[in-house]
Full PDB file with SEQRES, HELIX, SHEET, SSBOND, CRYST1, ORIGX, SCALE, CONECT and MASTER records, all heavy atoms in Angstrom:
SEQRES   1 A   40  ALA MET ARG LEU PHE ALA GLY ASN LEU PRO GLY GLY VAL          
SEQRES   2 A   40  ALA VAL GLN THR THR LEU VAL ALA VAL VAL MET ALA ALA          
SEQRES   3 A   40  MET THR GLY ILE ILE GLY GLY GLU ILE VAL LEU LEU GLY          
SEQRES   4 A   40  LEU                                                          
HELIX    1 AA1 ARG A    3  ALA A    6  1                                   4    
HELIX    2 AA2 GLY A   12  THR A   28  1                                  17    
HELIX    3 AA3 ILE A   31  GLY A   39  1                                   9    
CRYST1    1.000    1.000    1.000  90.00  90.00  90.00 P 1           1          
ORIGX1      1.000000  0.000000  0.000000        0.00000                         
ORIGX2      0.000000  1.000000  0.000000        0.00000                         
ORIGX3      0.000000  0.000000  1.000000        0.00000                         
SCALE1      1.000000  0.000000  0.000000        0.00000                         
SCALE2      0.000000  1.000000  0.000000        0.00000                         
SCALE3      0.000000  0.000000  1.000000        0.00000                         
ATOM      1  N   ALA A   1       7.784  -2.275   5.486  1.00  0.00           N  
ATOM      2  CA  ALA A   1       8.166  -3.727   5.241  1.00  0.00           C  
ATOM      3  C   ALA A   1       8.115  -3.861   3.677  1.00  0.00           C  
ATOM      4  O   ALA A   1       8.847  -4.638   3.114  1.00  0.00           O  
ATOM      5  CB  ALA A   1       7.235  -4.598   5.973  1.00  0.00           C  
ATOM      6  N   MET A   2       7.158  -3.348   3.004  1.00  0.00           N  
ATOM      7  CA  MET A   2       6.912  -3.524   1.557  1.00  0.00           C  
ATOM      8  C   MET A   2       8.138  -2.976   0.765  1.00  0.00           C  
ATOM      9  O   MET A   2       8.212  -3.268  -0.371  1.00  0.00           O  
ATOM     10  CB  MET A   2       5.549  -2.826   1.153  1.00  0.00           C  
ATOM     11  CG  MET A   2       4.422  -3.775   1.566  1.00  0.00           C  
ATOM     12  SD  MET A   2       4.369  -5.406   0.863  1.00  0.00           S  
ATOM     13  CE  MET A   2       2.988  -6.135   1.555  1.00  0.00           C  
ATOM     14  N   ARG A   3       8.953  -2.088   1.357  1.00  0.00           N  
ATOM     15  CA  ARG A   3      10.087  -1.717   0.616  1.00  0.00           C  
ATOM     16  C   ARG A   3      10.962  -2.866   0.174  1.00  0.00           C  
ATOM     17  O   ARG A   3      11.660  -2.741  -0.864  1.00  0.00           O  
ATOM     18  CB  ARG A   3      10.929  -0.644   1.514  1.00  0.00           C  
ATOM     19  CG  ARG A   3      10.297   0.662   1.700  1.00  0.00           C  
ATOM     20  CD  ARG A   3      11.137   1.375   2.810  1.00  0.00           C  
ATOM     21  NE  ARG A   3      12.594   1.521   2.519  1.00  0.00           N  
ATOM     22  CZ  ARG A   3      13.489   1.798   3.357  1.00  0.00           C  
ATOM     23  NH1 ARG A   3      13.122   2.165   4.638  1.00  0.00           N  
ATOM     24  NH2 ARG A   3      14.696   2.006   3.032  1.00  0.00           N  
ATOM     25  N   LEU A   4      11.024  -4.004   0.903  1.00  0.00           N  
ATOM     26  CA  LEU A   4      11.899  -5.047   0.595  1.00  0.00           C  
ATOM     27  C   LEU A   4      11.345  -5.711  -0.707  1.00  0.00           C  
ATOM     28  O   LEU A   4      12.091  -6.365  -1.421  1.00  0.00           O  
ATOM     29  CB  LEU A   4      11.839  -6.163   1.760  1.00  0.00           C  
ATOM     30  CG  LEU A   4      12.305  -5.638   3.116  1.00  0.00           C  
ATOM     31  CD1 LEU A   4      12.045  -6.720   4.178  1.00  0.00           C  
ATOM     32  CD2 LEU A   4      13.726  -5.305   2.961  1.00  0.00           C  
ATOM     33  N   PHE A   5      10.197  -5.607  -0.992  1.00  0.00           N  
ATOM     34  CA  PHE A   5       9.458  -6.357  -2.213  1.00  0.00           C  
ATOM     35  C   PHE A   5       9.433  -5.428  -3.396  1.00  0.00           C  
ATOM     36  O   PHE A   5       9.382  -5.874  -4.550  1.00  0.00           O  
ATOM     37  CB  PHE A   5       8.166  -6.830  -1.787  1.00  0.00           C  
ATOM     38  CG  PHE A   5       8.251  -7.769  -0.770  1.00  0.00           C  
ATOM     39  CD1 PHE A   5       7.903  -7.406   0.683  1.00  0.00           C  
ATOM     40  CD2 PHE A   5       8.456  -9.183  -0.917  1.00  0.00           C  
ATOM     41  CE1 PHE A   5       7.902  -8.350   1.739  1.00  0.00           C  
ATOM     42  CE2 PHE A   5       8.530 -10.043   0.135  1.00  0.00           C  
ATOM     43  CZ  PHE A   5       8.244  -9.588   1.462  1.00  0.00           C  
ATOM     44  N   ALA A   6       9.307  -4.050  -3.205  1.00  0.00           N  
ATOM     45  CA  ALA A   6       9.014  -3.191  -4.361  1.00  0.00           C  
ATOM     46  C   ALA A   6      10.041  -2.079  -4.580  1.00  0.00           C  
ATOM     47  O   ALA A   6       9.930  -1.323  -5.464  1.00  0.00           O  
ATOM     48  CB  ALA A   6       7.621  -2.596  -4.132  1.00  0.00           C  
ATOM     49  N   GLY A   7      11.052  -1.993  -3.744  1.00  0.00           N  
ATOM     50  CA  GLY A   7      11.959  -0.906  -3.766  1.00  0.00           C  
ATOM     51  C   GLY A   7      12.679  -0.754  -5.069  1.00  0.00           C  
ATOM     52  O   GLY A   7      12.954   0.465  -5.490  1.00  0.00           O  
ATOM     53  N   ASN A   8      13.089  -1.851  -5.675  1.00  0.00           N  
ATOM     54  CA  ASN A   8      13.896  -1.737  -6.937  1.00  0.00           C  
ATOM     55  C   ASN A   8      13.178  -1.752  -8.217  1.00  0.00           C  
ATOM     56  O   ASN A   8      13.675  -1.795  -9.201  1.00  0.00           O  
ATOM     57  CB  ASN A   8      14.981  -2.857  -6.930  1.00  0.00           C  
ATOM     58  CG  ASN A   8      16.026  -2.830  -5.898  1.00  0.00           C  
ATOM     59  OD1 ASN A   8      16.721  -1.746  -5.861  1.00  0.00           O  
ATOM     60  ND2 ASN A   8      16.185  -3.769  -4.988  1.00  0.00           N  
ATOM     61  N   LEU A   9      11.836  -1.877  -8.166  1.00  0.00           N  
ATOM     62  CA  LEU A   9      10.984  -1.936  -9.237  1.00  0.00           C  
ATOM     63  C   LEU A   9      10.686  -0.561  -9.861  1.00  0.00           C  
ATOM     64  O   LEU A   9      10.786   0.420  -9.137  1.00  0.00           O  
ATOM     65  CB  LEU A   9       9.647  -2.531  -8.912  1.00  0.00           C  
ATOM     66  CG  LEU A   9       9.588  -4.042  -8.457  1.00  0.00           C  
ATOM     67  CD1 LEU A   9       8.181  -4.401  -8.070  1.00  0.00           C  
ATOM     68  CD2 LEU A   9      10.143  -4.898  -9.616  1.00  0.00           C  
ATOM     69  N   PRO A  10      10.387  -0.403 -11.198  1.00  0.00           N  
ATOM     70  CA  PRO A  10      10.062   0.924 -11.691  1.00  0.00           C  
ATOM     71  C   PRO A  10       8.803   1.328 -11.047  1.00  0.00           C  
ATOM     72  O   PRO A  10       7.867   0.622 -10.852  1.00  0.00           O  
ATOM     73  CB  PRO A  10       9.793   0.453 -13.194  1.00  0.00           C  
ATOM     74  CG  PRO A  10      10.535  -0.645 -13.465  1.00  0.00           C  
ATOM     75  CD  PRO A  10      10.547  -1.415 -12.221  1.00  0.00           C  
ATOM     76  N   GLY A  11       8.864   2.551 -10.608  1.00  0.00           N  
ATOM     77  CA  GLY A  11       7.687   3.102  -9.836  1.00  0.00           C  
ATOM     78  C   GLY A  11       7.560   2.373  -8.560  1.00  0.00           C  
ATOM     79  O   GLY A  11       6.416   2.193  -8.012  1.00  0.00           O  
ATOM     80  N   GLY A  12       8.635   1.991  -7.918  1.00  0.00           N  
ATOM     81  CA  GLY A  12       8.669   1.091  -6.683  1.00  0.00           C  
ATOM     82  C   GLY A  12       7.839   1.530  -5.580  1.00  0.00           C  
ATOM     83  O   GLY A  12       7.070   0.771  -4.998  1.00  0.00           O  
ATOM     84  N   VAL A  13       7.833   2.824  -5.240  1.00  0.00           N  
ATOM     85  CA  VAL A  13       6.996   3.314  -4.111  1.00  0.00           C  
ATOM     86  C   VAL A  13       5.559   3.238  -4.398  1.00  0.00           C  
ATOM     87  O   VAL A  13       4.780   2.967  -3.498  1.00  0.00           O  
ATOM     88  CB  VAL A  13       7.366   4.752  -3.778  1.00  0.00           C  
ATOM     89  CG1 VAL A  13       6.578   5.367  -2.548  1.00  0.00           C  
ATOM     90  CG2 VAL A  13       8.904   4.914  -3.462  1.00  0.00           C  
ATOM     91  N   ALA A  14       5.131   3.500  -5.685  1.00  0.00           N  
ATOM     92  CA  ALA A  14       3.707   3.383  -6.094  1.00  0.00           C  
ATOM     93  C   ALA A  14       3.309   1.877  -6.144  1.00  0.00           C  
ATOM     94  O   ALA A  14       2.170   1.526  -5.642  1.00  0.00           O  
ATOM     95  CB  ALA A  14       3.499   3.946  -7.518  1.00  0.00           C  
ATOM     96  N   VAL A  15       4.200   1.058  -6.511  1.00  0.00           N  
ATOM     97  CA  VAL A  15       3.884  -0.409  -6.417  1.00  0.00           C  
ATOM     98  C   VAL A  15       3.761  -0.844  -4.979  1.00  0.00           C  
ATOM     99  O   VAL A  15       2.859  -1.563  -4.658  1.00  0.00           O  
ATOM    100  CB  VAL A  15       4.984  -1.195  -7.111  1.00  0.00           C  
ATOM    101  CG1 VAL A  15       4.821  -2.777  -6.986  1.00  0.00           C  
ATOM    102  CG2 VAL A  15       5.027  -0.913  -8.655  1.00  0.00           C  
ATOM    103  N   GLN A  16       4.721  -0.323  -4.156  1.00  0.00           N  
ATOM    104  CA  GLN A  16       4.698  -0.651  -2.744  1.00  0.00           C  
ATOM    105  C   GLN A  16       3.290  -0.097  -2.129  1.00  0.00           C  
ATOM    106  O   GLN A  16       2.690  -0.872  -1.291  1.00  0.00           O  
ATOM    107  CB  GLN A  16       5.804   0.128  -2.193  1.00  0.00           C  
ATOM    108  CG  GLN A  16       5.926   0.108  -0.544  1.00  0.00           C  
ATOM    109  CD  GLN A  16       7.092   0.944  -0.158  1.00  0.00           C  
ATOM    110  OE1 GLN A  16       8.064   1.229  -0.930  1.00  0.00           O  
ATOM    111  NE2 GLN A  16       7.027   1.398   1.069  1.00  0.00           N  
ATOM    112  N   THR A  17       2.813   1.043  -2.606  1.00  0.00           N  
ATOM    113  CA  THR A  17       1.608   1.493  -2.014  1.00  0.00           C  
ATOM    114  C   THR A  17       0.420   0.678  -2.376  1.00  0.00           C  
ATOM    115  O   THR A  17      -0.406   0.448  -1.565  1.00  0.00           O  
ATOM    116  CB  THR A  17       1.413   2.908  -2.663  1.00  0.00           C  
ATOM    117  OG1 THR A  17       2.380   3.759  -2.166  1.00  0.00           O  
ATOM    118  CG2 THR A  17       0.053   3.621  -2.164  1.00  0.00           C  
ATOM    119  N   THR A  18       0.399   0.145  -3.661  1.00  0.00           N  
ATOM    120  CA  THR A  18      -0.587  -0.777  -4.023  1.00  0.00           C  
ATOM    121  C   THR A  18      -0.641  -2.072  -3.252  1.00  0.00           C  
ATOM    122  O   THR A  18      -1.684  -2.572  -2.869  1.00  0.00           O  
ATOM    123  CB  THR A  18      -0.419  -1.010  -5.622  1.00  0.00           C  
ATOM    124  OG1 THR A  18      -0.370   0.074  -6.276  1.00  0.00           O  
ATOM    125  CG2 THR A  18      -1.745  -1.894  -5.974  1.00  0.00           C  
ATOM    126  N   LEU A  19       0.503  -2.611  -3.047  1.00  0.00           N  
ATOM    127  CA  LEU A  19       0.763  -3.819  -2.184  1.00  0.00           C  
ATOM    128  C   LEU A  19       0.161  -3.583  -0.778  1.00  0.00           C  
ATOM    129  O   LEU A  19      -0.547  -4.436  -0.245  1.00  0.00           O  
ATOM    130  CB  LEU A  19       2.229  -4.371  -2.215  1.00  0.00           C  
ATOM    131  CG  LEU A  19       2.714  -4.901  -3.480  1.00  0.00           C  
ATOM    132  CD1 LEU A  19       4.234  -5.072  -3.430  1.00  0.00           C  
ATOM    133  CD2 LEU A  19       1.931  -6.008  -4.048  1.00  0.00           C  
ATOM    134  N   VAL A  20       0.588  -2.563  -0.171  1.00  0.00           N  
ATOM    135  CA  VAL A  20       0.029  -2.126   1.149  1.00  0.00           C  
ATOM    136  C   VAL A  20      -1.545  -2.043   1.139  1.00  0.00           C  
ATOM    137  O   VAL A  20      -2.132  -2.528   2.069  1.00  0.00           O  
ATOM    138  CB  VAL A  20       0.648  -0.859   1.674  1.00  0.00           C  
ATOM    139  CG1 VAL A  20      -0.072  -0.369   2.905  1.00  0.00           C  
ATOM    140  CG2 VAL A  20       2.223  -0.999   1.884  1.00  0.00           C  
ATOM    141  N   ALA A  21      -2.122  -1.384   0.024  1.00  0.00           N  
ATOM    142  CA  ALA A  21      -3.567  -1.242  -0.042  1.00  0.00           C  
ATOM    143  C   ALA A  21      -4.225  -2.546   0.017  1.00  0.00           C  
ATOM    144  O   ALA A  21      -5.304  -2.710   0.456  1.00  0.00           O  
ATOM    145  CB  ALA A  21      -3.804  -0.425  -1.358  1.00  0.00           C  
ATOM    146  N   VAL A  22      -3.605  -3.482  -0.653  1.00  0.00           N  
ATOM    147  CA  VAL A  22      -4.236  -4.931  -0.850  1.00  0.00           C  
ATOM    148  C   VAL A  22      -4.230  -5.617   0.563  1.00  0.00           C  
ATOM    149  O   VAL A  22      -5.316  -6.086   0.955  1.00  0.00           O  
ATOM    150  CB  VAL A  22      -3.458  -5.869  -1.841  1.00  0.00           C  
ATOM    151  CG1 VAL A  22      -3.896  -7.225  -1.641  1.00  0.00           C  
ATOM    152  CG2 VAL A  22      -3.515  -5.336  -3.286  1.00  0.00           C  
ATOM    153  N   VAL A  23      -3.146  -5.516   1.206  1.00  0.00           N  
ATOM    154  CA  VAL A  23      -3.117  -6.079   2.590  1.00  0.00           C  
ATOM    155  C   VAL A  23      -4.044  -5.336   3.629  1.00  0.00           C  
ATOM    156  O   VAL A  23      -4.773  -5.890   4.376  1.00  0.00           O  
ATOM    157  CB  VAL A  23      -1.688  -6.104   3.146  1.00  0.00           C  
ATOM    158  CG1 VAL A  23      -1.656  -6.790   4.564  1.00  0.00           C  
ATOM    159  CG2 VAL A  23      -0.839  -6.863   2.211  1.00  0.00           C  
ATOM    160  N   MET A  24      -4.081  -3.958   3.524  1.00  0.00           N  
ATOM    161  CA  MET A  24      -4.945  -3.271   4.298  1.00  0.00           C  
ATOM    162  C   MET A  24      -6.498  -3.564   4.064  1.00  0.00           C  
ATOM    163  O   MET A  24      -7.262  -3.565   4.879  1.00  0.00           O  
ATOM    164  CB  MET A  24      -4.739  -1.710   4.174  1.00  0.00           C  
ATOM    165  CG  MET A  24      -3.398  -1.228   4.739  1.00  0.00           C  
ATOM    166  SD  MET A  24      -3.393  -1.315   6.526  1.00  0.00           S  
ATOM    167  CE  MET A  24      -4.726  -0.126   6.979  1.00  0.00           C  
ATOM    168  N   ALA A  25      -6.806  -3.775   2.754  1.00  0.00           N  
ATOM    169  CA  ALA A  25      -8.104  -3.994   2.403  1.00  0.00           C  
ATOM    170  C   ALA A  25      -8.451  -5.402   2.891  1.00  0.00           C  
ATOM    171  O   ALA A  25      -9.582  -5.549   3.411  1.00  0.00           O  
ATOM    172  CB  ALA A  25      -8.191  -4.121   0.866  1.00  0.00           C  
ATOM    173  N   ALA A  26      -7.568  -6.356   2.903  1.00  0.00           N  
ATOM    174  CA  ALA A  26      -7.913  -7.700   3.567  1.00  0.00           C  
ATOM    175  C   ALA A  26      -7.959  -7.651   5.003  1.00  0.00           C  
ATOM    176  O   ALA A  26      -8.531  -8.525   5.704  1.00  0.00           O  
ATOM    177  CB  ALA A  26      -6.728  -8.708   3.108  1.00  0.00           C  
ATOM    178  N   MET A  27      -7.370  -6.571   5.655  1.00  0.00           N  
ATOM    179  CA  MET A  27      -7.505  -6.464   7.134  1.00  0.00           C  
ATOM    180  C   MET A  27      -8.743  -5.776   7.548  1.00  0.00           C  
ATOM    181  O   MET A  27      -9.331  -6.115   8.644  1.00  0.00           O  
ATOM    182  CB  MET A  27      -6.215  -5.770   7.696  1.00  0.00           C  
ATOM    183  CG  MET A  27      -5.059  -6.499   7.669  1.00  0.00           C  
ATOM    184  SD  MET A  27      -3.741  -5.669   8.736  1.00  0.00           S  
ATOM    185  CE  MET A  27      -3.508  -4.139   7.829  1.00  0.00           C  
ATOM    186  N   THR A  28      -9.235  -4.749   6.749  1.00  0.00           N  
ATOM    187  CA  THR A  28     -10.232  -3.941   7.244  1.00  0.00           C  
ATOM    188  C   THR A  28     -11.557  -3.905   6.470  1.00  0.00           C  
ATOM    189  O   THR A  28     -12.669  -3.965   7.125  1.00  0.00           O  
ATOM    190  CB  THR A  28      -9.702  -2.408   7.333  1.00  0.00           C  
ATOM    191  OG1 THR A  28      -9.460  -1.999   5.932  1.00  0.00           O  
ATOM    192  CG2 THR A  28      -8.407  -2.258   8.114  1.00  0.00           C  
ATOM    193  N   GLY A  29     -11.501  -3.943   5.142  1.00  0.00           N  
ATOM    194  CA  GLY A  29     -12.654  -3.820   4.281  1.00  0.00           C  
ATOM    195  C   GLY A  29     -13.309  -2.482   4.395  1.00  0.00           C  
ATOM    196  O   GLY A  29     -14.486  -2.284   3.843  1.00  0.00           O  
ATOM    197  N   ILE A  30     -12.648  -1.432   4.852  1.00  0.00           N  
ATOM    198  CA  ILE A  30     -13.243  -0.063   4.905  1.00  0.00           C  
ATOM    199  C   ILE A  30     -12.398   0.910   4.066  1.00  0.00           C  
ATOM    200  O   ILE A  30     -11.098   0.874   4.191  1.00  0.00           O  
ATOM    201  CB  ILE A  30     -13.262   0.415   6.414  1.00  0.00           C  
ATOM    202  CG1 ILE A  30     -13.859  -0.535   7.251  1.00  0.00           C  
ATOM    203  CG2 ILE A  30     -13.886   1.889   6.479  1.00  0.00           C  
ATOM    204  CD1 ILE A  30     -15.379  -0.649   6.936  1.00  0.00           C  
ATOM    205  N   ILE A  31     -12.980   1.577   3.145  1.00  0.00           N  
ATOM    206  CA  ILE A  31     -12.222   2.411   2.179  1.00  0.00           C  
ATOM    207  C   ILE A  31     -11.779   3.720   2.742  1.00  0.00           C  
ATOM    208  O   ILE A  31     -10.556   4.022   2.476  1.00  0.00           O  
ATOM    209  CB  ILE A  31     -13.130   2.531   0.988  1.00  0.00           C  
ATOM    210  CG1 ILE A  31     -13.336   1.234   0.164  1.00  0.00           C  
ATOM    211  CG2 ILE A  31     -12.385   3.641  -0.061  1.00  0.00           C  
ATOM    212  CD1 ILE A  31     -14.273   1.259  -0.993  1.00  0.00           C  
ATOM    213  N   GLY A  32     -12.632   4.499   3.334  1.00  0.00           N  
ATOM    214  CA  GLY A  32     -12.198   5.918   3.709  1.00  0.00           C  
ATOM    215  C   GLY A  32     -10.891   5.826   4.530  1.00  0.00           C  
ATOM    216  O   GLY A  32     -10.033   6.688   4.226  1.00  0.00           O  
ATOM    217  N   GLY A  33     -10.955   5.117   5.566  1.00  0.00           N  
ATOM    218  CA  GLY A  33      -9.675   5.119   6.469  1.00  0.00           C  
ATOM    219  C   GLY A  33      -8.472   4.673   5.676  1.00  0.00           C  
ATOM    220  O   GLY A  33      -7.362   5.174   5.929  1.00  0.00           O  
ATOM    221  N   GLU A  34      -8.593   3.797   4.713  1.00  0.00           N  
ATOM    222  CA  GLU A  34      -7.420   3.229   3.999  1.00  0.00           C  
ATOM    223  C   GLU A  34      -6.777   4.420   3.120  1.00  0.00           C  
ATOM    224  O   GLU A  34      -5.578   4.525   2.997  1.00  0.00           O  
ATOM    225  CB  GLU A  34      -7.911   2.065   3.021  1.00  0.00           C  
ATOM    226  CG  GLU A  34      -6.709   1.191   2.586  1.00  0.00           C  
ATOM    227  CD  GLU A  34      -7.232   0.137   1.802  1.00  0.00           C  
ATOM    228  OE1 GLU A  34      -8.320  -0.526   2.162  1.00  0.00           O  
ATOM    229  OE2 GLU A  34      -6.569  -0.356   0.765  1.00  0.00           O  
ATOM    230  N   ILE A  35      -7.670   5.060   2.340  1.00  0.00           N  
ATOM    231  CA  ILE A  35      -7.173   6.158   1.551  1.00  0.00           C  
ATOM    232  C   ILE A  35      -6.539   7.330   2.402  1.00  0.00           C  
ATOM    233  O   ILE A  35      -5.461   7.921   2.068  1.00  0.00           O  
ATOM    234  CB  ILE A  35      -8.386   6.864   0.684  1.00  0.00           C  
ATOM    235  CG1 ILE A  35      -8.797   5.847  -0.398  1.00  0.00           C  
ATOM    236  CG2 ILE A  35      -7.944   8.090   0.072  1.00  0.00           C  
ATOM    237  CD1 ILE A  35     -10.025   6.121  -1.096  1.00  0.00           C  
ATOM    238  N   VAL A  36      -7.218   7.657   3.464  1.00  0.00           N  
ATOM    239  CA  VAL A  36      -6.592   8.688   4.471  1.00  0.00           C  
ATOM    240  C   VAL A  36      -5.140   8.224   4.962  1.00  0.00           C  
ATOM    241  O   VAL A  36      -4.283   8.949   5.038  1.00  0.00           O  
ATOM    242  CB  VAL A  36      -7.521   8.910   5.702  1.00  0.00           C  
ATOM    243  CG1 VAL A  36      -6.708   9.764   6.694  1.00  0.00           C  
ATOM    244  CG2 VAL A  36      -8.638   9.581   5.121  1.00  0.00           C  
ATOM    245  N   LEU A  37      -5.093   6.887   5.335  1.00  0.00           N  
ATOM    246  CA  LEU A  37      -3.750   6.367   5.788  1.00  0.00           C  
ATOM    247  C   LEU A  37      -2.696   6.494   4.681  1.00  0.00           C  
ATOM    248  O   LEU A  37      -1.574   6.906   4.956  1.00  0.00           O  
ATOM    249  CB  LEU A  37      -3.952   4.930   6.282  1.00  0.00           C  
ATOM    250  CG  LEU A  37      -4.451   4.736   7.636  1.00  0.00           C  
ATOM    251  CD1 LEU A  37      -4.699   3.186   7.949  1.00  0.00           C  
ATOM    252  CD2 LEU A  37      -3.408   5.172   8.713  1.00  0.00           C  
ATOM    253  N   LEU A  38      -3.101   6.012   3.429  1.00  0.00           N  
ATOM    254  CA  LEU A  38      -2.174   6.027   2.372  1.00  0.00           C  
ATOM    255  C   LEU A  38      -1.764   7.428   1.992  1.00  0.00           C  
ATOM    256  O   LEU A  38      -0.587   7.680   1.692  1.00  0.00           O  
ATOM    257  CB  LEU A  38      -2.766   5.320   1.136  1.00  0.00           C  
ATOM    258  CG  LEU A  38      -2.895   3.854   1.321  1.00  0.00           C  
ATOM    259  CD1 LEU A  38      -3.566   3.242   0.115  1.00  0.00           C  
ATOM    260  CD2 LEU A  38      -1.529   3.059   1.554  1.00  0.00           C  
ATOM    261  N   GLY A  39      -2.738   8.321   2.177  1.00  0.00           N  
ATOM    262  CA  GLY A  39      -2.473   9.773   1.898  1.00  0.00           C  
ATOM    263  C   GLY A  39      -1.501  10.393   2.815  1.00  0.00           C  
ATOM    264  O   GLY A  39      -0.645  11.230   2.434  1.00  0.00           O  
ATOM    265  N   LEU A  40      -1.622   9.892   4.217  1.00  0.00           N  
ATOM    266  CA  LEU A  40      -0.700  10.430   5.189  1.00  0.00           C  
ATOM    267  C   LEU A  40       0.726   9.855   4.925  1.00  0.00           C  
ATOM    268  O   LEU A  40       1.749  10.466   5.377  1.00  0.00           O  
ATOM    269  CB  LEU A  40      -1.290  10.184   6.518  1.00  0.00           C  
ATOM    270  CG  LEU A  40      -2.512  10.914   6.886  1.00  0.00           C  
ATOM    271  CD1 LEU A  40      -3.014  10.473   8.184  1.00  0.00           C  
ATOM    272  CD2 LEU A  40      -2.127  12.484   7.024  1.00  0.00           C  
TER     273      LEU A  40                                                      
MASTER        0    0    0    3    0    0    0    6  272    1    0    4          
END                                                                             
């Protein structure tokens, strides 16, 4: 879903990854799983 907001920006996929990380942090508060998910 974040492709709609960051797809056309410079470094769009990296920006998209950061936005997802923010929302995931607000959902879970757990770091290890978040990094593994983003890595996958």
